Amino acid sequence: MPNSPQAQLPEARPLGQAMRESAEVALGKYGCRIIADTNEQFGTNGRIWVAITFITATVFTKCDFGSNPPEGQIAGVTFPAGLTIYGEFKSIKLASGSLIAYYGKPSSHA
């Protein structure tokens, strides 16, 4: 039965592509920025960050999300060193701490 049409599964290209892009972001393929001051930071050339890894315990003053903001507030919450969060981050302003913000794959229309 392995050769029958019913036993063949369609290739999961979208999932494979998403997994590859996720790994590329995690490895910093699209670049990153270390932020360790209290000035508001914006992505370069309109790009957004898609992952943030905290170097030290960090508190946000402000964080501007893209189209999918989280439920609740993150301003004033202490994020521990070593934690990584994911989302669309357009701007970041810290009260304290330091982090690495990873850029997402540049869009073809940006």
N, C-alpha and C. Protein backbone atom coordinates (compact mmCIF):
# COMPACT_ATOMS: atom_id res chain seq x y z
N MET A 1 0.80 -1.20 0.00
CA MET A 1 0.00 0.00 0.00
C MET A 1 0.84 1.27 0.00
N PRO A 2 2.16 1.25 0.31
CA PRO A 2 2.95 2.47 0.29
C PRO A 2 2.97 3.17 -1.07
N ASN A 3 2.76 2.44 -2.17
CA ASN A 3 2.79 3.06 -3.49
C ASN A 3 1.43 3.51 -3.97
N SER A 4 0.39 3.30 -3.20
CA SER A 4 -0.94 3.69 -3.64
C SER A 4 -1.10 5.20 -3.50
N PRO A 5 -1.94 5.82 -4.35
CA PRO A 5 -2.15 7.28 -4.26
C PRO A 5 -2.69 7.71 -2.91
N GLN A 6 -3.47 6.87 -2.25
CA GLN A 6 -4.04 7.23 -0.96
C GLN A 6 -2.97 7.34 0.13
N ALA A 7 -1.86 6.62 -0.02
CA ALA A 7 -0.83 6.62 1.01
C ALA A 7 0.14 7.78 0.87
N GLN A 8 0.11 8.49 -0.25
CA GLN A 8 1.03 9.60 -0.46
C GLN A 8 0.47 10.87 0.17
N LEU A 9 1.29 11.53 0.91
CA LEU A 9 0.88 12.78 1.55
C LEU A 9 1.38 13.96 0.75
N PRO A 10 0.62 15.05 0.69
CA PRO A 10 1.10 16.24 -0.02
C PRO A 10 2.30 16.83 0.70
N GLU A 11 3.19 17.42 -0.07
CA GLU A 11 4.37 18.05 0.52
C GLU A 11 3.94 19.31 1.27
N ALA A 12 4.46 19.49 2.47
CA ALA A 12 4.08 20.63 3.32
C ALA A 12 5.04 21.78 3.12
N ARG A 13 5.01 22.38 1.97
CA ARG A 13 5.93 23.49 1.68
C ARG A 13 5.75 24.69 2.62
N PRO A 14 4.51 25.15 2.87
CA PRO A 14 4.39 26.32 3.75
C PRO A 14 4.97 26.08 5.14
N LEU A 15 4.73 24.92 5.72
CA LEU A 15 5.27 24.64 7.05
C LEU A 15 6.79 24.57 7.00
N GLY A 16 7.33 23.90 5.99
CA GLY A 16 8.78 23.81 5.86
C GLY A 16 9.41 25.18 5.67
N GLN A 17 8.77 26.02 4.88
CA GLN A 17 9.28 27.36 4.66
C GLN A 17 9.23 28.17 5.95
N ALA A 18 8.13 28.06 6.69
CA ALA A 18 8.01 28.78 7.96
C ALA A 18 9.07 28.32 8.94
N MET A 19 9.32 27.02 8.99
CA MET A 19 10.34 26.50 9.90
C MET A 19 11.73 26.99 9.51
N ARG A 20 12.00 27.03 8.21
CA ARG A 20 13.30 27.51 7.74
C ARG A 20 13.48 28.99 8.09
N GLU A 21 12.46 29.80 7.84
CA GLU A 21 12.55 31.23 8.16
C GLU A 21 12.68 31.45 9.65
N SER A 22 12.00 30.64 10.46
CA SER A 22 12.13 30.74 11.91
C SER A 22 13.55 30.45 12.35
N ALA A 23 14.15 29.42 11.77
CA ALA A 23 15.54 29.08 12.10
C ALA A 23 16.48 30.19 11.65
N GLU A 24 16.21 30.79 10.49
CA GLU A 24 17.05 31.88 10.00
C GLU A 24 17.00 33.08 10.93
N VAL A 25 15.82 33.40 11.44
CA VAL A 25 15.69 34.51 12.40
C VAL A 25 16.46 34.18 13.66
N ALA A 26 16.28 32.95 14.17
CA ALA A 26 16.95 32.54 15.41
C ALA A 26 18.47 32.61 15.28
N LEU A 27 18.97 32.39 14.08
CA LEU A 27 20.41 32.44 13.84
C LEU A 27 20.89 33.83 13.45
N GLY A 28 19.97 34.79 13.40
CA GLY A 28 20.35 36.17 13.11
C GLY A 28 20.63 36.46 11.65
N LYS A 29 20.11 35.65 10.73
CA LYS A 29 20.39 35.83 9.31
C LYS A 29 20.01 37.22 8.81
N TYR A 30 18.93 37.79 9.33
CA TYR A 30 18.45 39.08 8.83
C TYR A 30 18.95 40.26 9.66
N GLY A 31 19.83 39.97 10.60
CA GLY A 31 20.43 41.03 11.41
C GLY A 31 19.75 41.20 12.75
N CYS A 32 20.41 41.93 13.60
CA CYS A 32 19.87 42.18 14.93
C CYS A 32 20.45 43.49 15.45
N ARG A 33 19.90 43.93 16.56
CA ARG A 33 20.41 45.14 17.21
C ARG A 33 20.43 44.87 18.72
N ILE A 34 21.54 45.22 19.34
CA ILE A 34 21.62 45.16 20.79
C ILE A 34 21.14 46.50 21.32
N ILE A 35 20.18 46.45 22.22
CA ILE A 35 19.62 47.67 22.81
C ILE A 35 19.88 47.63 24.30
N ALA A 36 20.56 48.67 24.79
CA ALA A 36 20.92 48.71 26.21
C ALA A 36 20.81 50.12 26.77
N ASP A 37 19.96 50.95 26.16
CA ASP A 37 19.77 52.32 26.66
C ASP A 37 18.28 52.61 26.75
N THR A 38 17.95 53.80 27.18
CA THR A 38 16.54 54.16 27.39
C THR A 38 15.98 55.06 26.29
N ASN A 39 16.69 55.18 25.17
CA ASN A 39 16.17 55.92 24.02
C ASN A 39 15.21 55.03 23.24
N GLU A 40 14.17 55.61 22.66
CA GLU A 40 13.27 54.81 21.84
C GLU A 40 14.01 54.37 20.58
N GLN A 41 13.90 53.10 20.26
CA GLN A 41 14.59 52.51 19.11
C GLN A 41 13.56 52.07 18.07
N PHE A 42 13.90 52.29 16.80
CA PHE A 42 13.03 51.90 15.68
C PHE A 42 13.82 51.00 14.75
N GLY A 43 13.12 50.10 14.06
CA GLY A 43 13.78 49.24 13.09
C GLY A 43 14.38 50.06 11.96
N THR A 44 15.46 49.57 11.38
CA THR A 44 16.15 50.25 10.29
C THR A 44 15.34 50.13 8.99
N ASN A 45 15.19 51.23 8.28
CA ASN A 45 14.50 51.26 6.98
C ASN A 45 13.10 50.65 7.03
N GLY A 46 12.39 50.91 8.12
CA GLY A 46 11.02 50.42 8.23
C GLY A 46 10.88 48.95 8.57
N ARG A 47 11.98 48.27 8.79
CA ARG A 47 11.92 46.85 9.13
C ARG A 47 11.46 46.68 10.58
N ILE A 48 10.92 45.52 10.87
CA ILE A 48 10.47 45.23 12.22
C ILE A 48 11.32 44.12 12.83
N TRP A 49 11.29 44.09 14.16
CA TRP A 49 11.92 42.98 14.86
C TRP A 49 10.86 41.91 15.09
N VAL A 50 11.26 40.64 15.04
CA VAL A 50 10.31 39.55 15.22
C VAL A 50 10.62 38.68 16.43
N ALA A 51 11.77 38.88 17.03
CA ALA A 51 12.13 38.14 18.24
C ALA A 51 13.02 39.02 19.10
N ILE A 52 12.87 38.87 20.41
CA ILE A 52 13.69 39.62 21.36
C ILE A 52 14.21 38.63 22.39
N THR A 53 15.54 38.63 22.57
CA THR A 53 16.16 37.82 23.63
C THR A 53 16.74 38.78 24.65
N PHE A 54 16.41 38.57 25.91
CA PHE A 54 16.85 39.45 26.98
C PHE A 54 18.23 39.03 27.47
N ILE A 55 19.17 39.97 27.46
CA ILE A 55 20.54 39.73 27.92
C ILE A 55 20.58 39.82 29.44
N THR A 56 19.92 40.84 29.98
CA THR A 56 19.80 41.02 31.43
C THR A 56 18.31 41.19 31.75
N ALA A 57 17.95 41.16 33.01
CA ALA A 57 16.55 41.43 33.38
C ALA A 57 16.17 42.79 32.80
N THR A 58 15.04 42.84 32.10
CA THR A 58 14.69 44.03 31.32
C THR A 58 13.25 44.45 31.57
N VAL A 59 13.04 45.77 31.61
CA VAL A 59 11.71 46.35 31.76
C VAL A 59 11.49 47.33 30.60
N PHE A 60 10.35 47.21 29.91
CA PHE A 60 9.98 48.13 28.84
C PHE A 60 9.26 49.34 29.43
N THR A 61 9.51 50.51 28.85
CA THR A 61 8.68 51.68 29.08
C THR A 61 7.57 51.68 28.03
N LYS A 62 7.96 51.29 26.80
CA LYS A 62 7.03 51.30 25.68
C LYS A 62 7.46 50.25 24.68
N CYS A 63 6.48 49.63 24.03
CA CYS A 63 6.77 48.68 22.96
C CYS A 63 5.63 48.75 21.96
N ASP A 64 5.91 49.17 20.74
CA ASP A 64 4.90 49.30 19.70
C ASP A 64 4.86 48.03 18.87
N PHE A 65 3.75 47.33 18.94
CA PHE A 65 3.58 46.09 18.21
C PHE A 65 2.98 46.35 16.85
N GLY A 66 3.14 45.41 15.97
CA GLY A 66 2.54 45.49 14.64
C GLY A 66 1.06 45.18 14.70
N SER A 67 0.61 44.32 13.83
CA SER A 67 -0.81 44.05 13.68
C SER A 67 -1.39 43.13 14.75
N ASN A 68 -0.55 42.49 15.55
CA ASN A 68 -1.05 41.54 16.55
C ASN A 68 -0.52 41.85 17.94
N PRO A 69 -1.04 42.89 18.59
CA PRO A 69 -0.55 43.22 19.93
C PRO A 69 -0.96 42.13 20.93
N PRO A 70 -0.16 41.95 21.97
CA PRO A 70 -0.51 40.93 22.97
C PRO A 70 -1.68 41.40 23.82
N GLU A 71 -2.32 40.44 24.46
CA GLU A 71 -3.36 40.80 25.43
C GLU A 71 -2.64 41.26 26.69
N GLY A 72 -3.06 42.35 27.26
CA GLY A 72 -2.43 42.87 28.46
C GLY A 72 -1.27 43.80 28.12
N GLN A 73 -0.65 44.32 29.14
CA GLN A 73 0.45 45.26 28.99
C GLN A 73 1.78 44.59 29.26
N ILE A 74 2.81 45.00 28.53
CA ILE A 74 4.15 44.51 28.86
C ILE A 74 4.99 45.61 29.49
N ALA A 75 4.54 46.86 29.39
CA ALA A 75 5.28 47.96 30.03
C ALA A 75 5.26 47.74 31.54
N GLY A 76 6.43 47.85 32.14
CA GLY A 76 6.53 47.70 33.58
C GLY A 76 6.76 46.27 34.05
N VAL A 77 6.64 45.29 33.15
CA VAL A 77 6.87 43.89 33.50
C VAL A 77 8.36 43.59 33.38
N THR A 78 8.93 42.87 34.35
CA THR A 78 10.34 42.49 34.28
C THR A 78 10.48 41.16 33.55
N PHE A 79 11.22 41.19 32.45
CA PHE A 79 11.49 39.98 31.67
C PHE A 79 12.87 39.47 32.08
N PRO A 80 13.00 38.19 32.43
CA PRO A 80 14.28 37.68 32.91
C PRO A 80 15.30 37.47 31.80
N ALA A 81 16.57 37.54 32.16
CA ALA A 81 17.65 37.26 31.22
C ALA A 81 17.48 35.86 30.65
N GLY A 82 17.75 35.72 29.35
CA GLY A 82 17.68 34.42 28.70
C GLY A 82 16.35 34.12 28.04
N LEU A 83 15.31 34.85 28.38
CA LEU A 83 13.99 34.63 27.80
C LEU A 83 13.94 35.22 26.39
N THR A 84 13.27 34.54 25.48
CA THR A 84 13.02 35.07 24.13
C THR A 84 11.52 35.18 23.93
N ILE A 85 11.08 36.32 23.42
CA ILE A 85 9.68 36.52 23.08
C ILE A 85 9.59 36.80 21.58
N TYR A 86 8.42 36.51 21.01
CA TYR A 86 8.21 36.64 19.57
C TYR A 86 7.01 37.53 19.29
N GLY A 87 7.04 38.22 18.17
CA GLY A 87 5.95 39.09 17.77
C GLY A 87 6.43 40.04 16.70
N GLU A 88 5.67 41.09 16.47
CA GLU A 88 6.06 42.16 15.55
C GLU A 88 6.33 43.39 16.41
N PHE A 89 7.58 43.80 16.45
CA PHE A 89 7.98 44.93 17.28
C PHE A 89 8.45 46.07 16.39
N LYS A 90 7.68 47.16 16.35
CA LYS A 90 8.03 48.30 15.50
C LYS A 90 8.95 49.29 16.20
N SER A 91 8.76 49.46 17.51
CA SER A 91 9.65 50.31 18.29
C SER A 91 9.74 49.76 19.70
N ILE A 92 10.87 50.08 20.34
CA ILE A 92 11.15 49.58 21.68
C ILE A 92 11.75 50.72 22.50
N LYS A 93 11.27 50.88 23.71
CA LYS A 93 11.87 51.83 24.64
C LYS A 93 11.99 51.13 25.99
N LEU A 94 13.22 51.09 26.52
CA LEU A 94 13.47 50.39 27.77
C LEU A 94 13.48 51.35 28.95
N ALA A 95 13.03 50.85 30.10
CA ALA A 95 13.22 51.54 31.37
C ALA A 95 14.57 51.11 31.95
N SER A 96 14.89 49.82 31.74
CA SER A 96 16.16 49.28 32.22
C SER A 96 16.43 47.95 31.53
N GLY A 97 17.69 47.52 31.59
CA GLY A 97 18.06 46.22 31.05
C GLY A 97 18.70 46.30 29.67
N SER A 98 18.84 45.14 29.06
CA SER A 98 19.44 45.06 27.73
C SER A 98 18.89 43.83 27.00
N LEU A 99 18.87 43.92 25.68
CA LEU A 99 18.29 42.85 24.88
C LEU A 99 18.92 42.81 23.49
N ILE A 100 18.65 41.72 22.80
CA ILE A 100 18.99 41.59 21.38
C ILE A 100 17.67 41.50 20.63
N ALA A 101 17.45 42.42 19.70
CA ALA A 101 16.23 42.43 18.88
C ALA A 101 16.59 41.92 17.49
N TYR A 102 15.92 40.84 17.06
CA TYR A 102 16.22 40.19 15.78
C TYR A 102 15.25 40.67 14.70
N TYR A 103 15.80 41.09 13.57
CA TYR A 103 14.98 41.52 12.44
C TYR A 103 14.36 40.31 11.75
N GLY A 104 13.14 40.51 11.25
CA GLY A 104 12.49 39.48 10.45
C GLY A 104 12.95 39.56 9.01
N LYS A 105 12.47 38.61 8.23
CA LYS A 105 12.78 38.58 6.80
C LYS A 105 12.23 39.84 6.16
N PRO A 106 13.05 40.57 5.41
CA PRO A 106 12.54 41.78 4.74
C PRO A 106 11.43 41.42 3.76
N SER A 107 10.37 42.20 3.77
CA SER A 107 9.28 41.93 2.81
C SER A 107 9.66 42.48 1.45
N SER A 108 9.05 41.93 0.43
CA SER A 108 9.36 42.36 -0.94
C SER A 108 8.77 43.73 -1.24
N HIS A 109 7.84 44.21 -0.41
CA HIS A 109 7.21 45.50 -0.67
C HIS A 109 7.63 46.58 0.33
N ALA A 110 8.62 46.29 1.16
CA ALA A 110 9.02 47.28 2.16
C ALA A 110 9.94 48.33 1.56
